PDB file of N, CA and C in Angstrom:
ATOM      1  N   MET A   1     106.340 -71.819 -30.182  1.00  0.00           N
ATOM      2  CA  MET A   1     105.682 -70.601 -29.648  1.00  0.00           C
ATOM      3  C   MET A   1     106.094 -69.499 -30.539  1.00  0.00           C
ATOM      4  N   ARG A   2     107.069 -69.533 -31.121  1.00  0.00           N
ATOM      5  CA  ARG A   2     107.048 -68.108 -31.864  1.00  0.00           C
ATOM      6  C   ARG A   2     106.230 -67.954 -33.244  1.00  0.00           C
ATOM      7  N   PRO A   3     106.082 -69.355 -33.934  1.00  0.00           N
ATOM      8  CA  PRO A   3     104.636 -68.817 -35.009  1.00  0.00           C
ATOM      9  C   PRO A   3     103.250 -68.494 -34.357  1.00  0.00           C
ATOM     10  N   LEU A   4     103.005 -69.055 -33.256  1.00  0.00           N
ATOM     11  CA  LEU A   4     101.596 -68.300 -32.621  1.00  0.00           C
ATOM     12  C   LEU A   4     101.996 -67.183 -32.435  1.00  0.00           C
ATOM     13  N   LEU A   5     103.135 -66.407 -31.688  1.00  0.00           N
ATOM     14  CA  LEU A   5     103.081 -65.457 -31.856  1.00  0.00           C
ATOM     15  C   LEU A   5     103.309 -64.216 -33.200  1.00  0.00           C
ATOM     16  N   GLY A   6     103.746 -64.772 -33.909  1.00  0.00           N
ATOM     17  CA  GLY A   6     103.369 -64.158 -35.322  1.00  0.00           C
ATOM     18  C   GLY A   6     102.044 -64.118 -35.769  1.00  0.00           C
ATOM     19  N   GLU A   7     101.155 -65.204 -35.774  1.00  0.00           N
ATOM     20  CA  GLU A   7      99.928 -65.256 -36.142  1.00  0.00           C
ATOM     21  C   GLU A   7      99.000 -64.269 -35.128  1.00  0.00           C
ATOM     22  N   ILE A   8      99.319 -64.243 -33.991  1.00  0.00           N
ATOM     23  CA  ILE A   8      98.672 -63.235 -33.271  1.00  0.00           C
ATOM     24  C   ILE A   8      99.097 -61.670 -33.711  1.00  0.00           C
ATOM     25  N   GLY A   9     100.672 -61.314 -33.887  1.00  0.00           N
ATOM     26  CA  GLY A   9     100.769 -59.937 -34.365  1.00  0.00           C
ATOM     27  C   GLY A   9     100.149 -59.758 -35.732  1.00  0.00           C
ATOM     28  N   ARG A  10      99.817 -60.717 -36.371  1.00  0.00           N
ATOM     29  CA  ARG A  10      99.342 -60.466 -37.728  1.00  0.00           C
ATOM     30  C   ARG A  10      97.683 -60.053 -37.647  1.00  0.00           C
ATOM     31  N   ILE A  11      97.242 -60.829 -36.863  1.00  0.00           N
ATOM     32  CA  ILE A  11      95.997 -60.846 -36.422  1.00  0.00           C
ATOM     33  C   ILE A  11      95.498 -59.313 -35.944  1.00  0.00           C
ATOM     34  N   LEU A  12      96.472 -58.656 -34.911  1.00  0.00           N
ATOM     35  CA  LEU A  12      96.400 -57.745 -34.509  1.00  0.00           C
ATOM     36  C   LEU A  12      96.617 -56.451 -35.111  1.00  0.00           C
ATOM     37  N   MET A  13      97.205 -56.586 -36.044  1.00  0.00           N
ATOM     38  CA  MET A  13      97.700 -55.910 -37.071  1.00  0.00           C
ATOM     39  C   MET A  13      96.468 -55.323 -38.092  1.00  0.00           C
ATOM     40  N   VAL A  14      95.798 -56.506 -38.334  1.00  0.00           N
ATOM     41  CA  VAL A  14      94.544 -56.573 -39.285  1.00  0.00           C
ATOM     42  C   VAL A  14      93.187 -55.637 -38.616  1.00  0.00           C
ATOM     43  N   ALA A  15      93.351 -56.000 -37.253  1.00  0.00           N
ATOM     44  CA  ALA A  15      92.008 -55.875 -36.530  1.00  0.00           C
ATOM     45  C   ALA A  15      92.483 -54.103 -36.509  1.00  0.00           C
ATOM     46  N   GLY A  16      93.740 -53.777 -36.039  1.00  0.00           N
ATOM     47  CA  GLY A  16      94.196 -52.496 -36.306  1.00  0.00           C
ATOM     48  C   GLY A  16      93.729 -51.537 -37.587  1.00  0.00           C
ATOM     49  N   ALA A  17      94.314 -52.104 -38.190  1.00  0.00           N
ATOM     50  CA  ALA A  17      93.862 -51.419 -39.451  1.00  0.00           C
ATOM     51  C   ALA A  17      92.329 -51.552 -40.452  1.00  0.00           C
ATOM     52  N   VAL A  18      91.618 -52.131 -39.672  1.00  0.00           N
ATOM     53  CA  VAL A  18      90.166 -52.135 -39.844  1.00  0.00           C
ATOM     54  C   VAL A  18      89.476 -51.389 -38.927  1.00  0.00           C
ATOM     55  N   LEU A  19      90.460 -51.081 -37.592  1.00  0.00           N
ATOM     56  CA  LEU A  19      89.350 -50.318 -36.839  1.00  0.00           C
ATOM     57  C   LEU A  19      89.987 -48.635 -36.986  1.00  0.00           C
ATOM     58  N   PHE A  20      91.047 -48.615 -37.782  1.00  0.00           N
ATOM     59  CA  PHE A  20      91.753 -47.329 -38.108  1.00  0.00           C
ATOM     60  C   PHE A  20      90.742 -46.994 -39.527  1.00  0.00           C
ATOM     61  N   LEU A  21      90.337 -47.717 -40.333  1.00  0.00           N
ATOM     62  CA  LEU A  21      89.672 -47.674 -41.582  1.00  0.00           C
ATOM     63  C   LEU A  21      88.242 -47.057 -40.926  1.00  0.00           C
ATOM     64  N   LEU A  22      87.886 -48.083 -40.127  1.00  0.00           N
ATOM     65  CA  LEU A  22      86.469 -47.873 -39.659  1.00  0.00           C
ATOM     66  C   LEU A  22      86.185 -46.188 -38.728  1.00  0.00           C
ATOM     67  N   GLY A  23      87.347 -45.734 -38.079  1.00  0.00           N
ATOM     68  CA  GLY A  23      87.467 -44.539 -37.324  1.00  0.00           C
ATOM     69  C   GLY A  23      88.035 -43.209 -38.471  1.00  0.00           C
ATOM     70  N   ALA A  24      88.250 -43.836 -39.603  1.00  0.00           N
ATOM     71  CA  ALA A  24      88.478 -42.596 -40.445  1.00  0.00           C
ATOM     72  C   ALA A  24      87.092 -42.225 -41.281  1.00  0.00           C
ATOM     73  N   LEU A  25      86.114 -43.524 -41.650  1.00  0.00           N
ATOM     74  CA  LEU A  25      85.145 -43.281 -42.406  1.00  0.00           C
ATOM     75  C   LEU A  25      83.797 -42.341 -41.209  1.00  0.00           C
ATOM     76  N   LEU A  26      84.095 -43.315 -40.381  1.00  0.00           N
ATOM     77  CA  LEU A  26      83.458 -42.267 -39.030  1.00  0.00           C
ATOM     78  C   LEU A  26      83.352 -40.747 -39.262  1.00  0.00           C
ATOM     79  N   ALA A  27      84.790 -40.771 -39.087  1.00  0.00           N
ATOM     80  CA  ALA A  27      85.088 -39.115 -38.853  1.00  0.00           C
ATOM     81  C   ALA A  27      84.654 -38.049 -40.230  1.00  0.00           C
ATOM     82  N   LEU A  28      84.993 -38.652 -41.142  1.00  0.00           N
ATOM     83  CA  LEU A  28      84.633 -38.303 -42.596  1.00  0.00           C
ATOM     84  C   LEU A  28      83.291 -38.172 -42.657  1.00  0.00           C
ATOM     85  N   PHE A  29      82.705 -39.161 -42.680  1.00  0.00           N
ATOM     86  CA  PHE A  29      81.046 -39.384 -43.185  1.00  0.00           C
ATOM     87  C   PHE A  29      80.399 -39.567 -42.197  1.00  0.00           C
ATOM     88  N   GLY A  30      80.313 -39.518 -40.749  1.00  0.00           N
ATOM     89  CA  GLY A  30      79.628 -39.694 -39.776  1.00  0.00           C
ATOM     90  C   GLY A  30      78.082 -39.209 -39.509  1.00  0.00           C
ATOM     91  N   THR A  31      78.441 -37.793 -40.097  1.00  0.00           N
ATOM     92  CA  THR A  31      76.973 -37.275 -40.235  1.00  0.00           C
ATOM     93  C   THR A  31      75.814 -37.515 -41.340  1.00  0.00           C
ATOM     94  N   HIS A  32      76.952 -37.944 -42.208  1.00  0.00           N
ATOM     95  CA  HIS A  32      75.865 -38.456 -43.525  1.00  0.00           C
ATOM     96  C   HIS A  32      75.395 -39.809 -43.659  1.00  0.00           C
ATOM     97  N   LEU A  33      75.937 -40.771 -42.791  1.00  0.00           N
ATOM     98  CA  LEU A  33      75.810 -41.705 -42.650  1.00  0.00           C
ATOM     99  C   LEU A  33      74.205 -42.297 -42.273  1.00  0.00           C
ATOM    100  N   PRO A  34      73.232 -42.733 -43.011  1.00  0.00           N
ATOM    101  CA  PRO A  34      72.048 -42.940 -42.478  1.00  0.00           C
ATOM    102  C   PRO A  34      71.789 -43.960 -41.374  1.00  0.00           C
ATOM    103  N   LEU A  35      73.101 -44.593 -40.342  1.00  0.00           N
ATOM    104  CA  LEU A  35      72.958 -45.777 -39.569  1.00  0.00           C
ATOM    105  C   LEU A  35      72.041 -44.994 -38.103  1.00  0.00           C
ATOM    106  N   GLY A  36      71.088 -45.815 -38.152  1.00  0.00           N
ATOM    107  CA  GLY A  36      70.399 -45.268 -36.615  1.00  0.00           C
ATOM    108  C   GLY A  36      68.877 -44.616 -37.170  1.00  0.00           C
ATOM    109  N   ARG A  37      68.496 -44.336 -38.640  1.00  0.00           N
ATOM    110  CA  ARG A  37      68.008 -43.867 -39.181  1.00  0.00           C
ATOM    111  C   ARG A  37      66.992 -44.227 -40.355  1.00  0.00           C
ATOM    112  N   LEU A  38      67.377 -45.825 -40.029  1.00  0.00           N
ATOM    113  CA  LEU A  38      66.898 -46.455 -41.442  1.00  0.00           C
ATOM    114  C   LEU A  38      65.559 -47.040 -41.227  1.00  0.00           C
ATOM    115  N   PRO A  39      64.910 -47.079 -42.356  1.00  0.00           N
ATOM    116  CA  PRO A  39      63.211 -47.990 -42.519  1.00  0.00           C
ATOM    117  C   PRO A  39      63.935 -49.080 -41.358  1.00  0.00           C
ATOM    118  N   GLY A  40      62.593 -49.131 -40.394  1.00  0.00           N
ATOM    119  CA  GLY A  40      62.953 -50.388 -39.310  1.00  0.00           C
ATOM    120  C   GLY A  40      63.371 -50.237 -38.024  1.00  0.00           C
ATOM    121  N   ASP A  41      64.099 -49.309 -37.900  1.00  0.00           N
ATOM    122  CA  ASP A  41      64.494 -48.474 -36.313  1.00  0.00           C
ATOM    123  C   ASP A  41      63.482 -48.241 -35.866  1.00  0.00           C
ATOM    124  N   ILE A  42      62.807 -48.387 -34.778  1.00  0.00           N
ATOM    125  CA  ILE A  42      61.762 -48.209 -34.005  1.00  0.00           C
ATOM    126  C   ILE A  42      62.212 -46.931 -32.887  1.00  0.00           C
ATOM    127  N   VAL A  43      61.265 -46.138 -32.991  1.00  0.00           N
ATOM    128  CA  VAL A  43      61.654 -44.728 -32.313  1.00  0.00           C
ATOM    129  C   VAL A  43      60.247 -44.480 -31.910  1.00  0.00           C
ATOM    130  N   ILE A  44      60.241 -44.463 -30.334  1.00  0.00           N
ATOM    131  CA  ILE A  44      58.790 -44.125 -29.946  1.00  0.00           C
ATOM    132  C   ILE A  44      59.259 -43.015 -28.874  1.00  0.00           C
ATOM    133  N   ARG A  45      58.635 -41.851 -29.138  1.00  0.00           N
ATOM    134  CA  ARG A  45      58.483 -40.422 -28.461  1.00  0.00           C
ATOM    135  C   ARG A  45      57.502 -40.608 -27.627  1.00  0.00           C
ATOM    136  N   ARG A  46      57.318 -40.435 -26.201  1.00  0.00           N
ATOM    137  CA  ARG A  46      56.243 -39.992 -25.562  1.00  0.00           C
ATOM    138  C   ARG A  46      56.680 -38.354 -24.917  1.00  0.00           C
ATOM    139  N   GLU A  47      55.925 -38.060 -23.818  1.00  0.00           N
ATOM    140  CA  GLU A  47      56.127 -36.782 -23.315  1.00  0.00           C
ATOM    141  C   GLU A  47      57.522 -36.607 -22.701  1.00  0.00           C
ATOM    142  N   HIS A  48      57.961 -37.329 -21.872  1.00  0.00           N
ATOM    143  CA  HIS A  48      59.023 -37.232 -21.418  1.00  0.00           C
ATOM    144  C   HIS A  48      60.110 -38.393 -21.512  1.00  0.00           C
ATOM    145  N   THR A  49      59.963 -39.120 -22.785  1.00  0.00           N
ATOM    146  CA  THR A  49      61.028 -40.164 -22.599  1.00  0.00           C
ATOM    147  C   THR A  49      60.939 -40.158 -24.043  1.00  0.00           C
ATOM    148  N   VAL A  50      62.163 -41.161 -24.669  1.00  0.00           N
ATOM    149  CA  VAL A  50      62.306 -41.612 -26.293  1.00  0.00           C
ATOM    150  C   VAL A  50      62.778 -42.759 -26.400  1.00  0.00           C
ATOM    151  N   PHE A  51      62.405 -43.773 -26.539  1.00  0.00           N
ATOM    152  CA  PHE A  51      62.671 -45.212 -26.588  1.00  0.00           C
ATOM    153  C   PHE A  51      63.027 -45.562 -28.063  1.00  0.00           C
ATOM    154  N   TYR A  52      64.419 -45.826 -27.932  1.00  0.00           N
ATOM    155  CA  TYR A  52      64.923 -45.899 -29.468  1.00  0.00           C
ATOM    156  C   TYR A  52      65.542 -47.428 -29.776  1.00  0.00           C
ATOM    157  N   PHE A  53      65.253 -48.075 -30.666  1.00  0.00           N
ATOM    158  CA  PHE A  53      65.820 -49.369 -30.939  1.00  0.00           C
ATOM    159  C   PHE A  53      65.852 -50.000 -32.368  1.00  0.00           C
ATOM    160  N   PRO A  54      67.201 -49.615 -32.807  1.00  0.00           N
ATOM    161  CA  PRO A  54      67.887 -49.386 -33.993  1.00  0.00           C
ATOM    162  C   PRO A  54      67.765 -51.127 -34.672  1.00  0.00           C
ATOM    163  N   LEU A  55      66.900 -51.717 -35.009  1.00  0.00           N
ATOM    164  CA  LEU A  55      66.743 -53.144 -35.145  1.00  0.00           C
ATOM    165  C   LEU A  55      67.465 -53.046 -36.619  1.00  0.00           C
ATOM    166  N   THR A  56      66.991 -52.815 -37.953  1.00  0.00           N
ATOM    167  CA  THR A  56      67.541 -52.335 -39.282  1.00  0.00           C
ATOM    168  C   THR A  56      68.938 -51.927 -38.974  1.00  0.00           C
ATOM    169  N   THR A  57      69.302 -51.414 -38.103  1.00  0.00           N
ATOM    170  CA  THR A  57      70.809 -50.986 -38.071  1.00  0.00           C
ATOM    171  C   THR A  57      71.548 -52.251 -37.558  1.00  0.00           C
ATOM    172  N   SER A  58      71.074 -52.584 -36.660  1.00  0.00           N
ATOM    173  CA  SER A  58      71.624 -53.687 -35.711  1.00  0.00           C
ATOM    174  C   SER A  58      71.941 -54.692 -36.992  1.00  0.00           C
ATOM    175  N   LEU A  59      70.987 -55.288 -37.655  1.00  0.00           N
ATOM    176  CA  LEU A  59      70.861 -56.276 -38.412  1.00  0.00           C
ATOM    177  C   LEU A  59      72.074 -56.103 -39.630  1.00  0.00           C
ATOM    178  N   LEU A  60      71.907 -54.746 -40.308  1.00  0.00           N
ATOM    179  CA  LEU A  60      72.896 -54.480 -40.908  1.00  0.00           C
ATOM    180  C   LEU A  60      74.757 -54.616 -40.413  1.00  0.00           C
ATOM    181  N   VAL A  61      74.572 -54.099 -39.281  1.00  0.00           N
ATOM    182  CA  VAL A  61      76.183 -53.966 -38.820  1.00  0.00           C
ATOM    183  C   VAL A  61      76.617 -55.378 -38.797  1.00  0.00           C
ATOM    184  N   SER A  62      75.500 -56.273 -38.218  1.00  0.00           N
ATOM    185  CA  SER A  62      75.765 -57.837 -37.880  1.00  0.00           C
ATOM    186  C   SER A  62      76.263 -58.552 -39.464  1.00  0.00           C
ATOM    187  N   LEU A  63      75.463 -58.047 -40.077  1.00  0.00           N
ATOM    188  CA  LEU A  63      75.614 -58.740 -41.534  1.00  0.00           C
ATOM    189  C   LEU A  63      77.277 -58.237 -42.105  1.00  0.00           C
ATOM    190  N   PHE A  64      77.728 -56.986 -41.937  1.00  0.00           N
ATOM    191  CA  PHE A  64      78.643 -56.448 -42.340  1.00  0.00           C
ATOM    192  C   PHE A  64      79.810 -57.090 -41.375  1.00  0.00           C
ATOM    193  N   LEU A  65      79.808 -57.512 -40.075  1.00  0.00           N
ATOM    194  CA  LEU A  65      81.037 -57.619 -39.333  1.00  0.00           C
ATOM    195  C   LEU A  65      80.845 -59.408 -39.602  1.00  0.00           C
ATOM    196  N   THR A  66      79.883 -60.117 -39.641  1.00  0.00           N
ATOM    197  CA  THR A  66      80.062 -61.109 -40.312  1.00  0.00           C
ATOM    198  C   THR A  66      80.954 -61.654 -41.539  1.00  0.00           C
ATOM    199  N   LEU A  67      80.383 -60.856 -42.703  1.00  0.00           N
ATOM    200  CA  LEU A  67      81.013 -60.932 -43.729  1.00  0.00           C
ATOM    201  C   LEU A  67      82.708 -60.418 -43.441  1.00  0.00           C
ATOM    202  N   LEU A  68      82.854 -59.624 -43.000  1.00  0.00           N
ATOM    203  CA  LEU A  68      84.254 -58.676 -42.760  1.00  0.00           C
ATOM    204  C   LEU A  68      85.069 -60.217 -42.144  1.00  0.00           C
ATOM    205  N   LEU A  69      84.587 -60.738 -40.791  1.00  0.00           N
ATOM    206  CA  LEU A  69      85.342 -61.756 -40.513  1.00  0.00           C
ATOM    207  C   LEU A  69      85.555 -62.993 -41.092  1.00  0.00           C
ATOM    208  N   PHE A  70      84.281 -63.756 -41.951  1.00  0.00           N
ATOM    209  CA  PHE A  70      84.573 -64.531 -42.894  1.00  0.00           C
ATOM    210  C   PHE A  70      85.636 -64.143 -43.954  1.00  0.00           C
ATOM    211  N   LEU A  71      85.657 -63.458 -44.042  1.00  0.00           N
ATOM    212  CA  LEU A  71      86.630 -62.699 -45.097  1.00  0.00           C
ATOM    213  C   LEU A  71      88.131 -62.749 -44.601  1.00  0.00           C
ATOM    214  N   LEU A  72      88.256 -62.146 -43.342  1.00  0.00           N
ATOM    215  CA  LEU A  72      89.476 -62.190 -42.709  1.00  0.00           C
ATOM    216  C   LEU A  72      90.022 -63.577 -42.468  1.00  0.00           C
ATOM    217  N   GLN A  73      89.115 -64.575 -42.107  1.00  0.00           N
ATOM    218  CA  GLN A  73      89.207 -66.052 -41.912  1.00  0.00           C
ATOM    219  C   GLN A  73      89.807 -66.435 -42.727  1.00  0.00           C
ATOM    220  N   PHE A  74      89.130 -66.505 -44.052  1.00  0.00           N
ATOM    221  CA  PHE A  74      89.617 -67.193 -45.434  1.00  0.00           C
ATOM    222  C   PHE A  74      91.143 -66.653 -45.697  1.00  0.00           C
ATOM    223  N   LEU A  75      91.130 -65.149 -45.639  1.00  0.00           N
ATOM    224  CA  LEU A  75      92.475 -64.537 -46.104  1.00  0.00           C
ATOM    225  C   LEU A  75      93.680 -65.410 -45.313  1.00  0.00           C
ATOM    226  N   LEU A  76      93.444 -65.520 -43.952  1.00  0.00           N
ATOM    227  CA  LEU A  76      94.491 -65.930 -42.866  1.00  0.00           C
ATOM    228  C   LEU A  76      94.598 -67.503 -43.072  1.00  0.00           C
ATOM    229  N   ARG A  77      93.674 -68.141 -43.611  1.00  0.00           N
ATOM    230  CA  ARG A  77      93.559 -69.715 -43.823  1.00  0.00           C
ATOM    231  C   ARG A  77      94.722 -69.939 -44.904  1.00  0.00           C
ATOM    232  N   ARG A  78      94.797 -69.253 -45.652  1.00  0.00           N
ATOM    233  CA  ARG A  78      95.315 -69.611 -46.935  1.00  0.00           C
ATOM    234  C   ARG A  78      97.240 -69.513 -46.826  1.00  0.00           C
TER     235      ARG A  78
END
């Protein structure tokens, strides 16, 4: 049971470090990041409503998270 707890602890530490770095990046560069305003993000403005669908942003975030999780899995498997 002990080795399993050690691995869970390591995973939580890596996840915490990643979230910390992501939070720091958003705090420092949040207003300058083009996320949400990329070509391919759909914005429809009408008289009293705004419909926003961040298609390109969603694809880029999904790609980034997929690569990050693949890298973490590769590094933890060693």
